[in-house]
Amino acid sequence: QVQLVESGGELVQAGGSLRLSCAASGRTFSRYTMSWFRQAPGKEREFVARIIWSSGNTYHADSVKGRFTISRDNAKNTVYLQMNSLKPEDTAVYYCAATLIRYSGSVYATAREYDYWGQGTQVTVSS
């Protein structure tokens, strides 16, 4: 069974940086895509960034492009989200998600496409 465990969320001032980690276990992830989503109170879960495990190909939401970077460490089976120039509107619970790549042509940027989720880690950005 796939397990995803996030860490790294905390309270930070606007303009600061954080790095979130997602430790993945239970599978060989070479055929998986991994993503970060976030959910603020009263809002729907929002796509942040995605990485294809085998190729390292990445895709970032426009709202975070140029500020956030997704990456992975094959040896540690870990996905990271480096977040720079944080804004108060980045405040949310951040979730790691994984799914087997079943078809080409999708960006895999919607929550319903993902089978496995972590428990989330809280990021709070103060103004």
N, C-alpha and C. Protein backbone atom coordinates (compact mmCIF):
# COMPACT_ATOMS: atom_id res chain seq x y z
N GLN A 1 0.85 -1.19 0.00
CA GLN A 1 0.00 0.00 0.00
C GLN A 1 0.89 1.25 0.00
N VAL A 2 0.52 2.20 -0.85
CA VAL A 2 1.28 3.44 -0.94
C VAL A 2 1.05 4.29 0.31
N GLN A 3 2.14 4.78 0.86
CA GLN A 3 2.05 5.71 1.99
C GLN A 3 2.82 6.99 1.63
N LEU A 4 2.21 8.12 1.93
CA LEU A 4 2.81 9.42 1.68
C LEU A 4 2.79 10.20 2.99
N VAL A 5 3.94 10.67 3.41
CA VAL A 5 4.04 11.40 4.67
C VAL A 5 4.70 12.75 4.41
N GLU A 6 3.91 13.81 4.62
CA GLU A 6 4.42 15.16 4.41
C GLU A 6 5.05 15.71 5.69
N SER A 7 5.97 16.64 5.51
CA SER A 7 6.56 17.35 6.62
C SER A 7 7.10 18.68 6.13
N GLY A 8 7.41 19.56 7.07
CA GLY A 8 8.05 20.83 6.73
C GLY A 8 7.18 22.05 6.85
N GLY A 9 5.89 21.88 7.04
CA GLY A 9 5.02 23.05 7.15
C GLY A 9 5.21 23.74 8.50
N GLU A 10 5.11 25.06 8.48
CA GLU A 10 5.23 25.84 9.70
C GLU A 10 4.76 27.26 9.45
N LEU A 11 4.85 28.10 10.48
CA LEU A 11 4.53 29.51 10.38
C LEU A 11 5.76 30.27 9.86
N VAL A 12 5.56 31.10 8.85
CA VAL A 12 6.67 31.85 8.27
C VAL A 12 6.16 33.24 7.89
N GLN A 13 7.06 34.21 7.88
CA GLN A 13 6.67 35.57 7.50
C GLN A 13 6.61 35.70 5.98
N ALA A 14 5.81 36.62 5.52
CA ALA A 14 5.73 36.91 4.09
C ALA A 14 7.11 37.23 3.55
N GLY A 15 7.41 36.69 2.37
CA GLY A 15 8.72 36.87 1.77
C GLY A 15 9.70 35.77 2.12
N GLY A 16 9.34 34.95 3.08
CA GLY A 16 10.22 33.87 3.52
C GLY A 16 10.14 32.64 2.64
N SER A 17 10.86 31.61 3.05
CA SER A 17 10.94 30.35 2.29
C SER A 17 10.69 29.15 3.19
N LEU A 18 10.19 28.10 2.58
CA LEU A 18 10.01 26.81 3.25
C LEU A 18 10.28 25.72 2.24
N ARG A 19 10.68 24.55 2.73
CA ARG A 19 10.77 23.37 1.87
C ARG A 19 9.93 22.26 2.49
N LEU A 20 8.94 21.82 1.75
CA LEU A 20 8.10 20.70 2.17
C LEU A 20 8.68 19.40 1.62
N SER A 21 8.51 18.34 2.39
CA SER A 21 8.97 17.02 1.96
C SER A 21 7.80 16.05 1.97
N CYS A 22 7.85 15.09 1.06
CA CYS A 22 6.85 14.02 1.00
C CYS A 22 7.61 12.71 0.85
N ALA A 23 7.64 11.93 1.93
CA ALA A 23 8.31 10.63 1.90
C ALA A 23 7.32 9.58 1.41
N ALA A 24 7.68 8.91 0.33
CA ALA A 24 6.79 7.93 -0.31
C ALA A 24 7.32 6.52 -0.09
N SER A 25 6.40 5.58 0.17
CA SER A 25 6.80 4.19 0.37
C SER A 25 5.69 3.27 -0.12
N GLY A 26 6.03 1.98 -0.25
CA GLY A 26 5.04 0.98 -0.60
C GLY A 26 4.99 0.60 -2.06
N ARG A 27 5.72 1.28 -2.90
CA ARG A 27 5.72 0.99 -4.33
C ARG A 27 7.08 1.37 -4.93
N THR A 28 7.32 0.90 -6.13
CA THR A 28 8.34 1.48 -6.98
C THR A 28 7.63 2.54 -7.81
N PHE A 29 8.11 3.78 -7.71
CA PHE A 29 7.32 4.88 -8.25
C PHE A 29 7.70 5.30 -9.66
N SER A 30 8.42 4.46 -10.37
CA SER A 30 8.92 4.83 -11.69
C SER A 30 7.80 5.11 -12.68
N ARG A 31 6.60 4.57 -12.46
CA ARG A 31 5.49 4.79 -13.37
C ARG A 31 4.43 5.72 -12.78
N TYR A 32 4.83 6.47 -11.79
CA TYR A 32 3.91 7.35 -11.08
C TYR A 32 4.18 8.81 -11.38
N THR A 33 3.13 9.59 -11.20
CA THR A 33 3.29 11.03 -11.13
C THR A 33 2.94 11.46 -9.71
N MET A 34 3.67 12.43 -9.21
CA MET A 34 3.52 12.91 -7.84
C MET A 34 3.21 14.40 -7.89
N SER A 35 2.33 14.84 -7.01
CA SER A 35 1.95 16.24 -7.03
C SER A 35 1.80 16.81 -5.63
N TRP A 36 1.80 18.12 -5.59
CA TRP A 36 1.41 18.87 -4.40
C TRP A 36 0.12 19.62 -4.72
N PHE A 37 -0.82 19.52 -3.79
CA PHE A 37 -2.05 20.31 -3.81
C PHE A 37 -2.10 21.10 -2.51
N ARG A 38 -2.96 22.08 -2.47
CA ARG A 38 -3.17 22.81 -1.23
C ARG A 38 -4.65 23.16 -1.07
N GLN A 39 -5.05 23.34 0.19
CA GLN A 39 -6.45 23.68 0.47
C GLN A 39 -6.51 24.68 1.60
N ALA A 40 -7.02 25.85 1.30
CA ALA A 40 -7.23 26.89 2.30
C ALA A 40 -8.63 26.74 2.89
N PRO A 41 -8.86 27.26 4.09
CA PRO A 41 -10.19 27.14 4.71
C PRO A 41 -11.29 27.70 3.83
N GLY A 42 -12.34 26.92 3.63
CA GLY A 42 -13.47 27.36 2.84
C GLY A 42 -13.26 27.32 1.34
N LYS A 43 -12.12 26.80 0.91
CA LYS A 43 -11.83 26.75 -0.53
C LYS A 43 -11.63 25.31 -0.98
N GLU A 44 -11.72 25.11 -2.30
CA GLU A 44 -11.50 23.79 -2.86
C GLU A 44 -9.99 23.48 -2.91
N ARG A 45 -9.71 22.18 -2.99
CA ARG A 45 -8.33 21.77 -3.10
C ARG A 45 -7.77 22.25 -4.44
N GLU A 46 -6.57 22.84 -4.40
CA GLU A 46 -5.99 23.50 -5.55
C GLU A 46 -4.68 22.84 -5.93
N PHE A 47 -4.50 22.61 -7.23
CA PHE A 47 -3.25 22.05 -7.74
C PHE A 47 -2.12 23.06 -7.59
N VAL A 48 -0.94 22.57 -7.19
CA VAL A 48 0.23 23.44 -7.04
C VAL A 48 1.32 23.07 -8.05
N ALA A 49 1.74 21.79 -8.03
CA ALA A 49 2.83 21.38 -8.92
C ALA A 49 2.83 19.86 -9.05
N ARG A 50 3.40 19.39 -10.19
CA ARG A 50 3.41 17.96 -10.46
C ARG A 50 4.77 17.57 -11.02
N ILE A 51 5.24 16.35 -10.71
CA ILE A 51 6.47 15.83 -11.28
C ILE A 51 6.26 14.38 -11.70
N ILE A 52 6.72 14.06 -12.88
CA ILE A 52 6.69 12.68 -13.35
C ILE A 52 7.95 12.01 -12.84
N TRP A 53 7.75 10.93 -12.07
CA TRP A 53 8.88 10.37 -11.34
C TRP A 53 10.01 9.92 -12.27
N SER A 54 9.67 9.25 -13.35
CA SER A 54 10.71 8.65 -14.19
C SER A 54 11.54 9.69 -14.92
N SER A 55 10.89 10.71 -15.46
CA SER A 55 11.60 11.68 -16.29
C SER A 55 12.02 12.93 -15.54
N GLY A 56 11.35 13.21 -14.43
CA GLY A 56 11.59 14.47 -13.72
C GLY A 56 10.89 15.66 -14.32
N ASN A 57 10.07 15.41 -15.33
CA ASN A 57 9.31 16.49 -15.97
C ASN A 57 8.38 17.14 -14.96
N THR A 58 8.37 18.47 -14.94
CA THR A 58 7.56 19.18 -13.95
C THR A 58 6.55 20.11 -14.60
N TYR A 59 5.53 20.44 -13.81
CA TYR A 59 4.51 21.39 -14.25
C TYR A 59 4.04 22.13 -13.01
N HIS A 60 4.00 23.46 -13.09
CA HIS A 60 3.61 24.28 -11.95
C HIS A 60 2.40 25.13 -12.28
N ALA A 61 1.54 25.31 -11.31
CA ALA A 61 0.40 26.20 -11.48
C ALA A 61 0.89 27.63 -11.69
N ASP A 62 0.12 28.40 -12.45
CA ASP A 62 0.52 29.79 -12.72
C ASP A 62 0.68 30.60 -11.44
N SER A 63 -0.13 30.28 -10.44
CA SER A 63 -0.11 31.06 -9.20
C SER A 63 1.20 30.91 -8.42
N VAL A 64 1.97 29.87 -8.73
CA VAL A 64 3.22 29.63 -7.99
C VAL A 64 4.45 29.63 -8.89
N LYS A 65 4.23 29.72 -10.19
CA LYS A 65 5.34 29.64 -11.14
C LYS A 65 6.36 30.74 -10.86
N GLY A 66 7.62 30.36 -10.81
CA GLY A 66 8.68 31.31 -10.52
C GLY A 66 8.98 31.46 -9.04
N ARG A 67 8.07 30.95 -8.18
CA ARG A 67 8.29 31.02 -6.73
C ARG A 67 8.47 29.64 -6.10
N PHE A 68 7.72 28.66 -6.60
CA PHE A 68 7.77 27.30 -6.06
C PHE A 68 8.44 26.38 -7.08
N THR A 69 9.13 25.36 -6.56
CA THR A 69 9.77 24.36 -7.42
C THR A 69 9.57 22.97 -6.84
N ILE A 70 9.03 22.07 -7.65
CA ILE A 70 8.89 20.68 -7.24
C ILE A 70 10.10 19.90 -7.73
N SER A 71 10.55 18.94 -6.91
CA SER A 71 11.68 18.10 -7.30
C SER A 71 11.54 16.77 -6.60
N ARG A 72 12.40 15.81 -6.97
CA ARG A 72 12.37 14.52 -6.31
C ARG A 72 13.78 13.98 -6.16
N ASP A 73 13.92 13.13 -5.11
CA ASP A 73 15.18 12.44 -4.84
C ASP A 73 14.90 10.96 -4.95
N ASN A 74 15.38 10.35 -6.03
CA ASN A 74 15.10 8.93 -6.26
C ASN A 74 15.62 8.05 -5.14
N ALA A 75 16.80 8.33 -4.67
CA ALA A 75 17.43 7.48 -3.65
C ALA A 75 16.65 7.50 -2.33
N LYS A 76 16.02 8.65 -2.05
CA LYS A 76 15.28 8.78 -0.79
C LYS A 76 13.78 8.57 -0.98
N ASN A 77 13.34 8.34 -2.21
CA ASN A 77 11.91 8.20 -2.48
C ASN A 77 11.13 9.38 -1.89
N THR A 78 11.63 10.55 -2.12
CA THR A 78 11.06 11.75 -1.53
C THR A 78 10.84 12.83 -2.59
N VAL A 79 9.69 13.49 -2.47
CA VAL A 79 9.36 14.62 -3.33
C VAL A 79 9.40 15.88 -2.48
N TYR A 80 9.92 16.94 -3.06
CA TYR A 80 10.06 18.20 -2.33
C TYR A 80 9.26 19.31 -3.01
N LEU A 81 8.90 20.30 -2.21
CA LEU A 81 8.33 21.53 -2.76
C LEU A 81 9.09 22.69 -2.10
N GLN A 82 9.96 23.30 -2.87
CA GLN A 82 10.68 24.48 -2.40
C GLN A 82 9.81 25.70 -2.66
N MET A 83 9.50 26.44 -1.60
CA MET A 83 8.59 27.59 -1.70
C MET A 83 9.35 28.85 -1.29
N ASN A 84 9.50 29.75 -2.22
CA ASN A 84 10.18 31.02 -1.98
C ASN A 84 9.20 32.18 -2.14
N SER A 85 9.58 33.33 -1.65
CA SER A 85 8.76 34.55 -1.77
C SER A 85 7.33 34.27 -1.35
N LEU A 86 7.17 33.66 -0.21
CA LEU A 86 5.84 33.26 0.25
C LEU A 86 4.95 34.48 0.52
N LYS A 87 3.66 34.30 0.22
CA LYS A 87 2.65 35.34 0.40
C LYS A 87 1.58 34.84 1.37
N PRO A 88 0.88 35.74 2.03
CA PRO A 88 -0.21 35.30 2.91
C PRO A 88 -1.23 34.41 2.20
N GLU A 89 -1.46 34.65 0.93
CA GLU A 89 -2.44 33.81 0.19
C GLU A 89 -1.93 32.40 -0.09
N ASP A 90 -0.67 32.11 0.25
CA ASP A 90 -0.16 30.75 0.15
C ASP A 90 -0.53 29.92 1.39
N THR A 91 -1.12 30.55 2.39
CA THR A 91 -1.53 29.84 3.60
C THR A 91 -2.55 28.77 3.26
N ALA A 92 -2.25 27.53 3.67
CA ALA A 92 -3.12 26.39 3.35
C ALA A 92 -2.53 25.14 3.98
N VAL A 93 -3.33 24.07 3.96
CA VAL A 93 -2.79 22.74 4.22
C VAL A 93 -2.29 22.21 2.88
N TYR A 94 -1.05 21.77 2.86
CA TYR A 94 -0.43 21.25 1.64
C TYR A 94 -0.42 19.73 1.68
N TYR A 95 -0.91 19.13 0.58
CA TYR A 95 -1.04 17.69 0.48
C TYR A 95 -0.15 17.16 -0.64
N CYS A 96 0.47 16.02 -0.36
CA CYS A 96 1.19 15.27 -1.39
C CYS A 96 0.24 14.22 -1.95
N ALA A 97 0.32 13.98 -3.25
CA ALA A 97 -0.56 13.01 -3.90
C ALA A 97 0.23 12.22 -4.93
N ALA A 98 -0.23 10.98 -5.17
CA ALA A 98 0.44 10.12 -6.13
C ALA A 98 -0.58 9.31 -6.92
N THR A 99 -0.24 9.05 -8.17
CA THR A 99 -1.07 8.15 -8.96
C THR A 99 -0.25 7.50 -10.05
N LEU A 100 -0.67 6.29 -10.45
CA LEU A 100 -0.06 5.61 -11.58
C LEU A 100 -0.44 6.37 -12.85
N ILE A 101 0.51 6.56 -13.73
CA ILE A 101 0.22 7.21 -15.01
C ILE A 101 -0.49 6.21 -15.90
N ARG A 102 -1.78 6.46 -16.15
CA ARG A 102 -2.60 5.51 -16.91
C ARG A 102 -2.75 5.90 -18.38
N TYR A 103 -2.63 7.17 -18.67
CA TYR A 103 -2.83 7.62 -20.03
C TYR A 103 -2.00 8.87 -20.26
N SER A 104 -1.60 9.06 -21.49
CA SER A 104 -0.83 10.24 -21.86
C SER A 104 -1.80 11.35 -22.22
N GLY A 105 -1.31 12.54 -22.33
CA GLY A 105 -2.14 13.66 -22.74
C GLY A 105 -2.77 14.42 -21.61
N SER A 106 -2.63 13.93 -20.38
CA SER A 106 -3.16 14.67 -19.24
C SER A 106 -2.03 15.32 -18.46
N VAL A 107 -2.29 16.50 -17.94
CA VAL A 107 -1.32 17.17 -17.10
C VAL A 107 -1.32 16.62 -15.69
N TYR A 108 -2.36 15.87 -15.36
CA TYR A 108 -2.53 15.36 -14.00
C TYR A 108 -2.53 16.51 -13.00
N ALA A 109 -3.42 17.45 -13.21
CA ALA A 109 -3.52 18.63 -12.36
C ALA A 109 -4.86 18.75 -11.67
N THR A 110 -5.61 17.66 -11.61
CA THR A 110 -6.88 17.69 -10.88
C THR A 110 -6.87 16.62 -9.81
N ALA A 111 -7.47 16.94 -8.67
CA ALA A 111 -7.42 16.06 -7.51
C ALA A 111 -8.05 14.69 -7.80
N ARG A 112 -9.09 14.65 -8.61
CA ARG A 112 -9.79 13.39 -8.86
C ARG A 112 -8.95 12.37 -9.60
N GLU A 113 -7.84 12.81 -10.20
CA GLU A 113 -6.97 11.89 -10.93
C GLU A 113 -6.02 11.13 -10.01
N TYR A 114 -5.99 11.48 -8.72
CA TYR A 114 -5.01 10.91 -7.81
C TYR A 114 -5.63 9.88 -6.88
N ASP A 115 -4.91 8.76 -6.70
CA ASP A 115 -5.39 7.66 -5.89
C ASP A 115 -4.89 7.70 -4.45
N TYR A 116 -3.75 8.30 -4.24
CA TYR A 116 -3.12 8.24 -2.92
C TYR A 116 -2.81 9.66 -2.42
N TRP A 117 -3.08 9.86 -1.13
CA TRP A 117 -2.90 11.18 -0.52
C TRP A 117 -2.21 11.06 0.83
N GLY A 118 -1.41 12.06 1.15
CA GLY A 118 -0.86 12.17 2.49
C GLY A 118 -1.85 12.86 3.42
N GLN A 119 -1.43 13.03 4.67
CA GLN A 119 -2.31 13.61 5.68
C GLN A 119 -2.29 15.13 5.67
N GLY A 120 -1.32 15.73 5.00
CA GLY A 120 -1.24 17.18 4.89
C GLY A 120 -0.32 17.80 5.92
N THR A 121 0.22 18.96 5.56
CA THR A 121 1.06 19.73 6.47
C THR A 121 0.66 21.20 6.36
N GLN A 122 0.52 21.87 7.50
CA GLN A 122 0.01 23.24 7.53
C GLN A 122 1.12 24.25 7.24
N VAL A 123 0.86 25.12 6.29
CA VAL A 123 1.74 26.25 6.00
C VAL A 123 0.97 27.53 6.30
N THR A 124 1.52 28.36 7.16
CA THR A 124 0.89 29.63 7.49
C THR A 124 1.87 30.76 7.22
N VAL A 125 1.44 31.71 6.39
CA VAL A 125 2.29 32.84 6.03
C VAL A 125 1.69 34.10 6.63
N SER A 126 2.42 34.72 7.52
CA SER A 126 1.92 35.93 8.18
C SER A 126 2.36 37.17 7.42
N SER A 127 1.51 38.19 7.46
CA SER A 127 1.81 39.43 6.73
C SER A 127 2.60 40.41 7.58
